Amino acid sequence: MRKTLLTASLLLLSATLSFGQKALVDQAWSLAKKSEKPDFKTARATIKQALEGESAEDVKAWYVAGDIEQRYYEKENGQIQFGLKANEAEMYQALEDGYNYFRQTIALDTMPNAKGKVKPKYVKNVQKAFLANSDGYIQGGVYYFNNQNYKKAYDIWNIFIEIRELPFMASVAKNMPADSIYAMLEYNAALAALNAGDKELTMKALLRAKGNGYEQNNVYKFIAGEYEQARDTANLVAILNEGNELFSNLDVVATRPDGTTFTQKENYYTLRLINLYIAKNEYDKAIDVLNAVVANDPENPELWNVKGQLLEAQGDIAGAIECFQKALDKNPSFALALGNMGRMYFNQAVEKNNELSEKITNTSEFNAAKEAEVLPLYRQALPYYEKAHQLDANEREYMVALRSIYYNLNDAKNLKLIEMEMGF
C-alpha cells in the first residue's frame, strides 16, 4: 500500500513540476509582451530558469526565449527610428542571442513526432523574424566594426550570411536580400576577421568571398597576403597566377612620390610572382612573366624599373640601364628608377677604381687614370642620386652614395651638407 501511495505521490510531484515549468515559460513571455512597460530583465531571468530545468527540450520555451530577445531588439531599434537614444550594444546582443534561440527552436520544431510526422508550430514566425532582421544584422556588424570589436562584427555578419543557407528558409528565398548584398557582407565579414587577427577565420572568410564578384581584386590580394605570411609558397604562387590572369588588364589608380595620381594596369600579382621566382633563382620564369605584362602595359614605369632590376641581377648592366631609362622616360620623378640608374654608374665607378688600384701602384699614374676613367662615372651617377634624394629624403642608400660621390669629386661643401643630414 505504501509503495502504491509513494508512486502516486511521485507522479503528482512530476505533474506539478511540469506545470511549474510551463508556468515559468508563460510568465516570461507575459513579462516581455507587456504593451506599456515590458520587463525584459525579469523575463530573461525567468526563461533562463525554465530552460535550465525540464523545459530544456520544450520547443515553446526556446521560441519564447527568442521572442523575448526579438521584442527587446525591436523596442530599441524603434528608438533609433524615432531619433531617440538606444542601447545599441544590448540591442545587437539581443539580435544575436535571439538568432541562437530561434535556431534551437527550429531544431526542435522540425523533429518528427511519435508518429514520424513533422508538424512545426513556429517555423513561419522564425522565418518572418529572420527576414525582418536583415537590416539589423547589417547595421549590427557596422556598429561592432566601428567600435573595433571585429570578432563580434564578423559574428553578426556571419549570421546574415548563414541564414540564407538554412534549409527551412528555402521556402522564403524570394524575400531575402539581393545576391549583391550577400557579396558585400561576405567581403565585410572577411575584413572583420582580418582585423580581428584570427588567421583561420580570415582564410575561411576570404575563400568564401572569393569569386562572389565584390571587391575581388582586394580579396585576391588579401588571400595572397595570408599565404605569404603563412609561407605557403605553393598556394601563394597559385593565387598570384590566378590573380594575374584575372586582373592584369584592370586599370588602377597609383600615387607618385610627389602625391600626384595616375592610372596604370594592375601589377600587384606580377611583381610578387617575379620576386618569388627571383628568390628561387628562377630568372627565366621571372622574365617571362614580366615580358608578358610589359607588352600589355608598356607605359607603366614601374614595370620597366622591375625589368631593369631583374636584368641587373642577371649581370646585364646595359640592358638594365636601358630599362631604367625607359622607366624615367615614362616618369621623370620616379625616385626608385633614379636611384637604380645612379647605382649603375656608381657601381661601375667603384669596380673601375678597384681594378685600377690593383693594376697601378704609382700614385700619380693612378690619380690620372682615376680622373679619366672613374670620376666620369661618379659624375654620371651624381644627378640621378641628387634628384632621387630630393624626392625621397629619408632613403639612406641615396645619402650614402652621395657622400661617397662628393668625397671622390672633392666637393667639400656638398660633402659637409650631406654628412650633416646623415648626423655625422
Protein backbone atom coordinates (compact mmCIF):
# COMPACT_ATOMS: atom_id res chain seq x y z
CA MET A 1 0.00 0.00 0.00
CA ARG A 2 2.78 2.38 0.86
CA LYS A 3 4.51 1.62 -2.41
CA THR A 4 1.37 2.49 -4.33
CA LEU A 5 0.95 5.74 -2.43
CA LEU A 6 4.59 6.66 -2.97
CA THR A 7 4.35 6.12 -6.71
CA ALA A 8 1.22 8.20 -6.90
CA SER A 9 2.97 10.94 -4.95
CA LEU A 10 5.88 10.94 -7.37
CA LEU A 11 3.52 11.18 -10.33
CA LEU A 12 1.75 14.09 -8.67
CA LEU A 13 5.07 15.80 -7.96
CA SER A 14 6.18 15.28 -11.56
CA ALA A 15 2.99 16.78 -12.89
CA THR A 16 3.36 19.72 -10.52
CA LEU A 17 6.95 20.35 -11.67
CA SER A 18 5.92 20.12 -15.31
CA PHE A 19 3.10 22.56 -14.73
CA GLY A 20 5.51 24.85 -12.88
CA GLN A 21 7.94 24.83 -15.80
CA LYS A 22 5.19 25.72 -18.27
CA ALA A 23 4.06 28.47 -15.94
CA LEU A 24 7.61 29.93 -15.99
CA VAL A 25 7.59 29.98 -19.78
CA ASP A 26 4.20 31.70 -19.89
CA GLN A 27 5.23 34.13 -17.18
CA ALA A 28 8.43 35.09 -19.02
CA TRP A 29 6.51 35.64 -22.24
CA SER A 30 3.88 37.73 -20.49
CA LEU A 31 6.52 39.97 -18.94
CA ALA A 32 8.08 40.65 -22.33
CA LYS A 33 4.77 41.26 -24.10
CA LYS A 34 3.53 43.99 -21.78
CA SER A 35 2.46 46.81 -24.03
CA GLU A 36 3.28 49.63 -21.59
CA LYS A 37 6.42 48.63 -19.72
CA PRO A 38 7.79 45.22 -20.70
CA ASP A 39 10.12 43.80 -18.03
CA PHE A 40 12.84 42.25 -20.13
CA LYS A 41 15.26 41.76 -17.26
CA THR A 42 12.84 39.58 -15.30
CA ALA A 43 11.57 37.90 -18.46
CA ARG A 44 15.10 36.84 -19.38
CA ALA A 45 15.84 35.56 -15.90
CA THR A 46 12.57 33.63 -15.83
CA ILE A 47 13.01 31.96 -19.23
CA LYS A 48 16.60 31.12 -18.37
CA GLN A 49 15.34 29.34 -15.25
CA ALA A 50 12.85 27.41 -17.36
CA LEU A 51 15.48 26.41 -19.94
CA GLU A 52 17.81 25.19 -17.22
CA GLY A 53 15.02 22.93 -15.91
CA GLU A 54 12.68 20.49 -17.60
CA SER A 55 11.84 22.94 -20.38
CA ALA A 56 15.24 22.39 -21.96
CA GLU A 57 13.57 20.19 -24.57
CA ASP A 58 10.41 22.28 -24.85
CA VAL A 59 10.16 23.96 -28.25
CA LYS A 60 7.85 26.65 -26.89
CA ALA A 61 10.39 27.62 -24.23
CA TRP A 62 13.08 28.16 -26.83
CA TYR A 63 10.73 30.11 -29.05
CA VAL A 64 9.70 32.34 -26.13
CA ALA A 65 13.38 32.92 -25.31
CA GLY A 66 13.97 34.02 -28.90
CA ASP A 67 10.83 36.14 -28.95
CA ILE A 68 11.90 37.97 -25.79
CA GLU A 69 15.18 38.97 -27.46
CA GLN A 70 13.33 39.84 -30.66
CA ARG A 71 10.97 42.15 -28.79
CA TYR A 72 13.88 43.81 -26.98
CA TYR A 73 15.66 44.40 -30.28
CA GLU A 74 12.52 45.83 -31.87
CA LYS A 75 11.94 48.15 -28.92
CA GLU A 76 15.46 49.58 -29.01
CA ASN A 77 15.52 49.75 -32.80
CA GLY A 78 12.26 51.66 -32.67
CA GLN A 79 14.00 54.25 -30.51
CA ILE A 80 16.60 54.73 -33.24
CA GLN A 81 13.94 55.03 -35.93
CA PHE A 82 12.36 57.89 -33.99
CA GLY A 83 15.71 59.59 -33.46
CA LEU A 84 15.89 58.66 -29.79
CA LYS A 85 18.76 57.19 -27.80
CA ALA A 86 19.02 53.41 -27.74
CA ASN A 87 21.28 50.89 -26.03
CA GLU A 88 22.91 49.65 -29.23
CA ALA A 89 25.29 47.23 -27.50
CA GLU A 90 22.43 45.38 -25.80
CA MET A 91 20.20 45.74 -28.85
CA TYR A 92 22.61 43.94 -31.17
CA GLN A 93 23.46 41.39 -28.50
CA ALA A 94 19.73 40.63 -28.25
CA LEU A 95 19.64 40.17 -32.00
CA GLU A 96 22.46 37.63 -31.81
CA ASP A 97 21.02 35.84 -28.79
CA GLY A 98 17.60 35.72 -30.42
CA TYR A 99 19.11 34.10 -33.50
CA ASN A 100 20.66 31.35 -31.38
CA TYR A 101 17.41 30.73 -29.50
CA PHE A 102 15.45 30.59 -32.75
CA ARG A 103 17.92 28.14 -34.26
CA GLN A 104 17.29 25.77 -31.37
CA THR A 105 13.57 26.39 -31.76
CA ILE A 106 13.74 25.20 -35.37
CA ALA A 107 15.84 22.18 -34.42
CA LEU A 108 13.11 21.03 -32.01
CA ASP A 109 10.17 22.25 -34.09
CA THR A 110 11.18 20.23 -37.14
CA MET A 111 11.71 16.94 -35.32
CA PRO A 112 9.31 14.11 -36.21
CA ASN A 113 6.65 13.35 -33.60
CA ALA A 114 5.84 9.92 -32.20
CA LYS A 115 4.09 9.04 -35.46
CA GLY A 116 7.09 10.11 -37.55
CA LYS A 117 5.43 13.26 -38.83
CA VAL A 118 6.80 16.81 -38.71
CA LYS A 119 4.24 19.38 -37.63
CA PRO A 120 6.07 22.67 -36.96
CA LYS A 121 4.39 25.42 -34.97
CA TYR A 122 6.96 28.19 -35.08
CA VAL A 123 8.76 27.94 -38.43
CA LYS A 124 6.78 30.71 -40.11
CA ASN A 125 7.25 33.05 -37.15
CA VAL A 126 11.00 32.48 -37.14
CA GLN A 127 11.17 32.99 -40.89
CA LYS A 128 9.42 36.35 -40.50
CA ALA A 129 11.79 37.37 -37.71
CA PHE A 130 14.92 36.48 -39.68
CA LEU A 131 13.69 38.35 -42.75
CA ALA A 132 12.68 41.37 -40.69
CA ASN A 133 16.10 41.45 -39.02
CA SER A 134 18.14 41.58 -42.24
CA ASP A 135 18.98 45.26 -41.87
CA GLY A 136 19.67 44.76 -38.17
CA TYR A 137 22.35 42.14 -38.89
CA ILE A 138 23.96 44.52 -41.38
CA GLN A 139 23.87 47.54 -39.07
CA GLY A 140 24.96 45.46 -36.10
CA GLY A 141 28.14 44.48 -37.94
CA VAL A 142 28.76 48.13 -38.80
CA TYR A 143 28.28 49.10 -35.15
CA TYR A 144 30.75 46.49 -33.88
CA PHE A 145 33.28 47.18 -36.67
CA ASN A 146 33.27 50.93 -35.99
CA ASN A 147 33.78 50.18 -32.30
CA GLN A 148 36.74 47.93 -33.23
CA ASN A 149 35.02 44.82 -31.90
CA TYR A 150 35.92 42.97 -35.06
CA LYS A 151 35.11 39.46 -33.87
CA LYS A 152 31.56 40.50 -32.97
CA ALA A 153 31.25 42.26 -36.32
CA TYR A 154 32.23 39.04 -38.05
CA ASP A 155 29.79 37.01 -35.93
CA ILE A 156 26.73 39.09 -36.70
CA TRP A 157 27.54 39.49 -40.40
CA ASN A 158 28.09 35.75 -40.48
CA ILE A 159 24.58 35.27 -39.08
CA PHE A 160 23.20 37.27 -42.01
CA ILE A 161 25.15 35.09 -44.45
CA GLU A 162 24.27 31.78 -42.75
CA ILE A 163 20.53 32.44 -42.69
CA ARG A 164 20.29 32.03 -46.45
CA GLU A 165 21.82 28.56 -46.17
CA LEU A 166 19.35 27.29 -43.56
CA PRO A 167 17.09 24.65 -45.13
CA PHE A 168 13.90 25.94 -43.50
CA MET A 169 14.49 29.38 -45.10
CA ALA A 170 14.40 27.97 -48.64
CA SER A 171 10.65 28.49 -48.93
CA VAL A 172 11.06 32.26 -48.44
CA ALA A 173 14.21 32.67 -50.52
CA LYS A 174 12.48 35.10 -52.87
CA ASN A 175 12.03 37.52 -49.98
CA MET A 176 15.68 37.51 -48.98
CA PRO A 177 18.09 40.37 -49.82
CA ALA A 178 19.73 40.54 -53.26
CA ASP A 179 22.85 38.49 -54.02
CA SER A 180 24.86 41.71 -54.23
CA ILE A 181 24.12 42.40 -50.55
CA TYR A 182 25.39 38.96 -49.57
CA ALA A 183 28.54 39.51 -51.64
CA MET A 184 29.18 42.79 -49.85
CA LEU A 185 28.62 41.22 -46.43
CA GLU A 186 30.92 38.29 -47.24
CA TYR A 187 33.64 40.81 -48.04
CA ASN A 188 32.92 42.85 -44.90
CA ALA A 189 32.99 39.70 -42.77
CA ALA A 190 36.40 38.86 -44.23
CA LEU A 191 37.67 42.36 -43.35
CA ALA A 192 36.35 41.93 -39.81
CA ALA A 193 38.09 38.57 -39.42
CA LEU A 194 41.28 40.07 -40.85
CA ASN A 195 41.17 42.94 -38.35
CA ALA A 196 40.38 40.52 -35.54
CA GLY A 197 43.67 38.75 -36.26
CA ASP A 198 42.09 35.31 -36.45
CA LYS A 199 44.09 33.60 -39.20
CA GLU A 200 41.87 30.55 -39.56
CA LEU A 201 38.68 32.59 -39.62
CA THR A 202 40.23 35.10 -42.02
CA MET A 203 41.16 32.48 -44.60
CA LYS A 204 37.76 30.83 -44.30
CA ALA A 205 36.01 34.17 -44.84
CA LEU A 206 38.28 35.23 -47.72
CA LEU A 207 37.83 31.96 -49.58
CA ARG A 208 34.07 32.30 -49.14
CA ALA A 209 34.19 35.83 -50.58
CA LYS A 210 36.47 34.75 -53.45
CA GLY A 211 34.50 34.64 -56.67
CA ASN A 212 31.36 36.45 -55.50
CA GLY A 213 32.06 39.48 -57.70
CA TYR A 214 32.50 42.09 -54.95
CA GLU A 215 35.92 43.76 -54.47
CA GLN A 216 37.55 40.69 -55.98
CA ASN A 217 40.92 42.30 -56.62
CA ASN A 218 41.23 43.16 -52.94
CA VAL A 219 40.05 39.70 -51.90
CA TYR A 220 42.76 38.06 -54.00
CA LYS A 221 45.38 40.40 -52.56
CA PHE A 222 44.29 39.58 -49.01
CA ILE A 223 44.43 35.85 -49.76
CA ALA A 224 47.89 36.25 -51.24
CA GLY A 225 48.96 38.16 -48.14
CA GLU A 226 47.71 35.39 -45.86
CA TYR A 227 49.54 32.71 -47.86
CA GLU A 228 52.67 34.86 -47.84
CA GLN A 229 52.58 35.26 -44.06
CA ALA A 230 51.98 31.53 -43.66
CA ARG A 231 54.89 30.87 -46.05
CA ASP A 232 52.62 28.64 -48.09
CA THR A 233 54.54 29.07 -51.34
CA ALA A 234 52.54 26.58 -53.39
CA ASN A 235 49.20 28.25 -52.70
CA LEU A 236 50.79 31.70 -52.94
CA VAL A 237 52.08 31.04 -56.46
CA ALA A 238 48.70 29.59 -57.44
CA ILE A 239 46.69 32.59 -56.19
CA LEU A 240 49.16 35.07 -57.71
CA ASN A 241 48.93 33.37 -61.09
CA GLU A 242 45.15 33.34 -60.86
CA GLY A 243 45.05 36.99 -59.80
CA ASN A 244 47.48 37.96 -62.54
CA GLU A 245 45.28 36.28 -65.14
CA LEU A 246 42.11 37.94 -63.82
CA PHE A 247 43.29 41.45 -63.04
CA SER A 248 46.40 42.29 -65.12
CA ASN A 249 44.20 44.31 -67.51
CA LEU A 250 42.46 46.15 -64.68
CA ASP A 251 43.08 49.89 -64.52
CA VAL A 252 44.05 51.00 -61.02
CA VAL A 253 44.98 54.37 -59.55
CA ALA A 254 48.56 54.69 -58.30
CA THR A 255 50.31 57.54 -56.47
CA ARG A 256 53.66 59.08 -57.31
CA PRO A 257 56.09 60.17 -54.54
CA ASP A 258 55.04 63.78 -55.11
CA GLY A 259 51.44 62.88 -54.28
CA THR A 260 50.03 63.07 -57.79
CA THR A 261 47.97 60.15 -59.03
CA PHE A 262 47.93 58.30 -62.33
CA THR A 263 46.23 55.27 -63.84
CA GLN A 264 48.11 52.08 -64.62
CA LYS A 265 47.43 48.39 -65.13
CA GLU A 266 47.30 46.22 -62.01
CA ASN A 267 50.78 44.82 -61.36
CA TYR A 268 50.50 43.60 -57.75
CA TYR A 269 50.45 39.92 -58.75
CA THR A 270 53.15 40.27 -61.38
CA LEU A 271 55.63 41.94 -59.05
CA ARG A 272 55.15 39.36 -56.33
CA LEU A 273 55.42 36.46 -58.74
CA ILE A 274 58.65 37.90 -60.06
CA ASN A 275 60.05 38.35 -56.55
CA LEU A 276 59.16 34.74 -55.75
CA TYR A 277 60.88 33.46 -58.87
CA ILE A 278 63.94 35.63 -58.19
CA ALA A 279 64.15 34.31 -54.63
CA LYS A 280 64.16 30.78 -56.08
CA ASN A 281 66.74 31.80 -58.75
CA GLU A 282 64.20 31.03 -61.47
CA TYR A 283 65.09 34.06 -63.58
CA ASP A 284 63.69 32.66 -66.81
CA LYS A 285 60.22 32.33 -65.28
CA ALA A 286 60.50 35.81 -63.79
CA ILE A 287 61.45 37.43 -67.09
CA ASP A 288 58.72 35.53 -68.96
CA VAL A 289 56.06 36.82 -66.56
CA LEU A 290 57.45 40.34 -66.72
CA ASN A 291 57.77 40.48 -70.51
CA ALA A 292 54.14 39.41 -70.92
CA VAL A 293 52.94 42.17 -68.60
CA VAL A 294 55.22 44.85 -70.07
CA ALA A 295 53.87 44.03 -73.51
CA ASN A 296 50.36 44.53 -72.14
CA ASP A 297 51.21 47.78 -70.33
CA PRO A 298 54.29 49.35 -71.99
CA GLU A 299 53.65 52.79 -70.47
CA ASN A 300 53.99 51.53 -66.90
CA PRO A 301 57.28 52.91 -65.47
CA GLU A 302 57.24 50.54 -62.50
CA LEU A 303 57.34 47.51 -64.79
CA TRP A 304 60.34 48.87 -66.68
CA ASN A 305 62.05 49.56 -63.37
CA VAL A 306 61.46 45.98 -62.20
CA LYS A 307 62.73 44.62 -65.51
CA GLY A 308 65.86 46.71 -65.09
CA GLN A 309 66.42 45.25 -61.61
CA LEU A 310 65.92 41.75 -62.95
CA LEU A 311 68.43 42.27 -65.78
CA GLU A 312 70.86 43.80 -63.27
CA ALA A 313 70.58 40.68 -61.10
CA GLN A 314 71.50 38.61 -64.17
CA GLY A 315 74.53 40.80 -64.89
CA ASP A 316 73.08 42.55 -67.95
CA ILE A 317 74.07 46.09 -66.97
CA ALA A 318 73.49 47.60 -70.39
CA GLY A 319 70.01 46.10 -70.55
CA ALA A 320 69.29 47.29 -67.02
CA ILE A 321 70.31 50.86 -67.85
CA GLU A 322 68.08 50.81 -70.91
CA CYS A 323 65.09 49.68 -68.82
CA PHE A 324 65.70 52.21 -66.05
CA GLN A 325 65.89 54.94 -68.69
CA LYS A 326 62.56 53.81 -70.15
CA ALA A 327 61.05 53.97 -66.67
CA LEU A 328 62.33 57.55 -66.33
CA ASP A 329 61.05 58.46 -69.78
CA LYS A 330 57.57 57.48 -68.55
CA ASN A 331 58.00 59.16 -65.16
CA PRO A 332 60.98 61.52 -64.67
CA SER A 333 60.17 61.79 -60.96
CA PHE A 334 60.33 58.05 -60.26
CA ALA A 335 62.70 58.02 -57.27
CA LEU A 336 63.35 54.26 -57.36
CA ALA A 337 64.33 54.30 -61.03
CA LEU A 338 66.53 57.36 -60.44
CA GLY A 339 68.28 55.61 -57.58
CA ASN A 340 68.69 52.45 -59.64
CA MET A 341 70.15 54.40 -62.57
CA GLY A 342 72.55 56.18 -60.22
CA ARG A 343 73.62 52.85 -58.77
CA MET A 344 74.51 51.52 -62.25
CA TYR A 345 77.13 54.22 -62.75
CA PHE A 346 78.19 54.31 -59.08
CA ASN A 347 78.92 50.57 -59.03
CA GLN A 348 80.85 50.85 -62.28
CA ALA A 349 82.91 53.63 -60.75
CA VAL A 350 83.70 51.51 -57.66
CA GLU A 351 84.60 48.50 -59.79
CA LYS A 352 86.79 50.54 -62.09
CA ASN A 353 88.52 52.18 -59.09
CA ASN A 354 89.26 48.75 -57.59
CA GLU A 355 90.53 47.49 -60.93
CA LEU A 356 92.91 50.43 -61.31
CA SER A 357 94.19 50.19 -57.74
CA GLU A 358 95.17 46.57 -58.37
CA LYS A 359 96.93 47.31 -61.66
CA ILE A 360 98.59 50.67 -60.94
CA THR A 361 100.95 51.15 -57.99
CA ASN A 362 102.29 54.57 -58.97
CA THR A 363 100.24 57.27 -57.22
CA SER A 364 100.40 59.90 -59.93
CA GLU A 365 99.56 57.35 -62.63
CA PHE A 366 96.69 56.02 -60.53
CA ASN A 367 95.28 59.53 -59.96
CA ALA A 368 95.47 60.27 -63.66
CA ALA A 369 93.68 57.03 -64.53
CA LYS A 370 91.08 57.69 -61.86
CA GLU A 371 90.44 61.16 -63.26
CA ALA A 372 89.99 59.74 -66.71
CA GLU A 373 88.06 56.55 -66.01
CA VAL A 374 86.46 56.64 -62.53
CA LEU A 375 85.37 60.19 -61.84
CA PRO A 376 83.30 60.49 -65.04
CA LEU A 377 81.24 57.53 -63.83
CA TYR A 378 80.68 59.24 -60.44
CA ARG A 379 79.64 62.40 -62.31
CA GLN A 380 77.17 60.36 -64.34
CA ALA A 381 75.70 58.86 -61.14
CA LEU A 382 75.50 62.20 -59.32
CA PRO A 383 72.41 63.87 -60.89
CA TYR A 384 70.36 60.70 -60.57
CA TYR A 385 71.16 60.36 -56.87
CA GLU A 386 70.64 64.04 -56.19
CA LYS A 387 67.18 64.01 -57.74
CA ALA A 388 66.28 60.73 -56.04
CA HIS A 389 67.34 62.27 -52.72
CA GLN A 390 65.20 65.34 -53.36
CA LEU A 391 62.20 63.09 -53.98
CA ASP A 392 62.87 60.70 -51.10
CA ALA A 393 64.97 62.48 -48.49
CA ASN A 394 64.73 59.65 -45.96
CA GLU A 395 66.25 56.93 -48.15
CA ARG A 396 69.63 56.17 -46.56
CA GLU A 397 71.06 54.50 -49.66
CA TYR A 398 70.91 57.76 -51.60
CA MET A 399 72.68 59.69 -48.86
CA VAL A 400 75.45 57.09 -48.52
CA ALA A 401 76.06 57.14 -52.27
CA LEU A 402 76.07 60.95 -52.41
CA ARG A 403 78.55 61.16 -49.54
CA SER A 404 80.93 58.86 -51.41
CA ILE A 405 80.50 60.74 -54.68
CA TYR A 406 81.08 64.16 -53.11
CA TYR A 407 84.17 62.80 -51.36
CA ASN A 408 85.64 61.40 -54.57
CA LEU A 409 84.84 64.57 -56.50
CA ASN A 410 86.39 66.72 -53.75
CA ASP A 411 83.13 68.62 -53.32
CA ALA A 412 83.72 69.71 -49.73
CA LYS A 413 80.66 71.95 -49.50
CA ASN A 414 78.12 69.31 -50.50
CA LEU A 415 80.01 66.63 -48.56
CA LYS A 416 79.56 68.66 -45.38
CA LEU A 417 75.86 69.21 -46.10
CA ILE A 418 75.10 65.55 -46.72
CA GLU A 419 77.07 64.49 -43.64
CA MET A 420 75.01 66.92 -41.57
CA GLU A 421 71.88 65.31 -42.93
CA MET A 422 73.24 61.90 -42.02
CA GLY A 423 74.01 63.04 -38.48
CA PHE A 424 77.81 63.00 -38.75
